[in-house]
Each structure stands twice: as structure tokens, then as C-alpha cells.
Amino acid sequence: NLNNKILQKSLNSLGWKNINVFWGPHILQDSFEVQEDVKLLLEQSCFDTDNHIFKKIGESYYIDLLKIVQSQISSIHVKKQLFATEDTLKNPKFHS
């Protein structure tokens, strides 16, 4: 559950610092539409909500999961990050 900051808590409890990170395929912001209630829950899991994590169009919000996760690990020194740019909702190779 992102709301519980499990990623940050797990990495901190393991004492992991100075790591390399690979972000696998995931639903991208243009495909991840939620209403305000879900946006508010996800917002609680972020340390940096001003970084275009939430884009509002009409009554819906579009969420950038990658930026949420990056904000959660901001206290950990990451040497290198690699990103998969496949949208699991739009690409039929993946399930989303």
C-alpha cells in the first residue's frame, strides 16, 4: 500500500543506501485516472506533492506513480535510476 510508505520503510529497515534502481513497466500518468478520494490517499504517501505528481483535468486527476515512488525514496541515495517507459494499460504485452 503506497499510503503506508512501505517502500521507504522497507528500504530504511534494510539499511539500504547508495543503490541502483530499475523502474519496471507500470501504468503511466496519462492512463492513470482517479477521482479526488483516491488522489487524496495517494497524496498522503508523497513527500513532494508539488512535482507534477497530480495532474487535474476536469473532475479527474491523473497520477504519476513513478514520481510517488521517487518521493518515497528521496531520503535514500540512489546512484542510478533506469526507467521502463512502457504503459501497462496501453501495451497489450502487459496486464494493468
Protein backbone atom coordinates (compact mmCIF):
# COMPACT_ATOMS: atom_id res chain seq x y z
CA ASN A 1 0.00 0.00 0.00
CA LEU A 2 1.61 3.26 -1.14
CA ASN A 3 -0.30 5.14 1.52
CA ASN A 4 1.69 3.30 4.20
CA LYS A 5 5.03 4.19 2.55
CA ILE A 6 6.01 0.52 2.52
CA LEU A 7 8.81 1.05 0.01
CA GLN A 8 10.51 3.71 2.11
CA LYS A 9 10.04 1.76 5.35
CA SER A 10 11.38 -1.44 3.79
CA LEU A 11 14.50 0.16 2.35
CA ASN A 12 15.17 2.05 5.58
CA SER A 13 14.76 -1.08 7.71
CA LEU A 14 17.21 -2.93 5.47
CA GLY A 15 19.67 -0.06 5.78
CA TRP A 16 19.98 0.16 2.02
CA LYS A 17 21.76 3.29 0.85
CA ASN A 18 23.55 4.17 -2.37
CA ILE A 19 21.52 1.79 -4.54
CA ASN A 20 20.72 1.35 -8.22
CA VAL A 21 17.02 1.30 -9.07
CA PHE A 22 15.14 -0.05 -12.09
CA TRP A 23 11.54 1.05 -12.52
CA GLY A 24 9.69 -1.60 -14.49
CA PRO A 25 6.70 -1.19 -16.76
CA HIS A 26 3.76 0.42 -14.98
CA ILE A 27 0.64 2.42 -15.70
CA LEU A 28 1.79 5.87 -16.80
CA GLN A 29 0.29 9.19 -15.76
CA ASP A 30 -1.75 9.75 -18.92
CA SER A 31 -3.53 6.41 -18.30
CA PHE A 32 -3.96 6.51 -14.53
CA GLU A 33 -7.18 8.44 -13.99
CA VAL A 34 -8.62 8.65 -10.48
CA GLN A 35 -11.18 10.70 -8.61
CA GLU A 36 -10.33 13.08 -5.76
CA ASP A 37 -10.76 10.47 -2.99
CA VAL A 38 -8.01 8.25 -4.43
CA LYS A 39 -5.86 11.28 -5.21
CA LEU A 40 -6.05 12.32 -1.54
CA LEU A 41 -5.00 8.85 -0.39
CA LEU A 42 -2.06 8.76 -2.78
CA GLU A 43 -1.08 12.30 -1.83
CA GLN A 44 -0.53 11.11 1.75
CA SER A 45 2.18 8.75 0.51
CA CYS A 46 4.24 11.56 -1.05
CA PHE A 47 6.85 13.84 0.38
CA ASP A 48 6.82 16.16 -2.63
CA THR A 49 3.34 16.93 -3.94
CA ASP A 50 4.47 19.94 -5.99
CA ASN A 51 6.40 17.91 -8.55
CA HIS A 52 3.60 17.35 -11.12
CA ILE A 53 2.59 14.10 -9.44
CA PHE A 54 -1.07 15.02 -9.79
CA LYS A 55 -2.46 16.50 -12.98
CA LYS A 56 -6.09 17.66 -12.86
CA ILE A 57 -8.24 17.53 -15.98
CA GLY A 58 -11.90 18.31 -15.40
CA GLU A 59 -13.03 16.43 -12.29
CA SER A 60 -10.37 13.73 -12.64
CA TYR A 61 -6.76 13.50 -11.54
CA TYR A 62 -4.00 11.73 -13.40
CA ILE A 63 -1.38 10.21 -11.13
CA ASP A 64 2.33 9.71 -11.80
CA LEU A 65 3.18 6.56 -9.82
CA LEU A 66 6.87 6.83 -10.66
CA LYS A 67 7.11 10.24 -9.01
CA ILE A 68 5.26 8.96 -5.94
CA VAL A 69 7.78 6.15 -5.53
CA GLN A 70 10.69 8.50 -6.17
CA SER A 71 9.41 10.85 -3.47
CA GLN A 72 9.22 7.92 -1.05
CA ILE A 73 12.86 7.01 -1.57
CA SER A 74 14.13 10.59 -1.65
CA SER A 75 15.89 10.06 1.68
CA ILE A 76 17.94 7.20 0.22
CA HIS A 77 20.90 7.97 -2.03
CA VAL A 78 20.19 6.40 -5.41
CA LYS A 79 23.28 6.06 -7.60
CA LYS A 80 21.47 5.31 -10.82
CA GLN A 81 17.86 5.00 -11.98
CA LEU A 82 16.66 3.28 -15.12
CA PHE A 83 13.09 3.65 -16.32
CA ALA A 84 10.85 1.43 -18.39
CA THR A 85 8.60 3.70 -20.43
CA GLU A 86 6.02 1.09 -21.33
CA ASP A 87 2.48 1.94 -20.28
CA THR A 88 0.96 -1.29 -19.00
CA LEU A 89 -2.56 -0.06 -19.78
CA LYS A 90 -1.84 0.77 -23.43
CA ASN A 91 0.62 -2.02 -24.26
CA PRO A 92 -1.14 -5.38 -24.77
CA LYS A 93 2.04 -7.22 -23.70
CA PHE A 94 1.34 -6.22 -20.10
CA HIS A 95 -1.56 -6.55 -17.70
CA SER A 96 -2.63 -3.46 -15.82
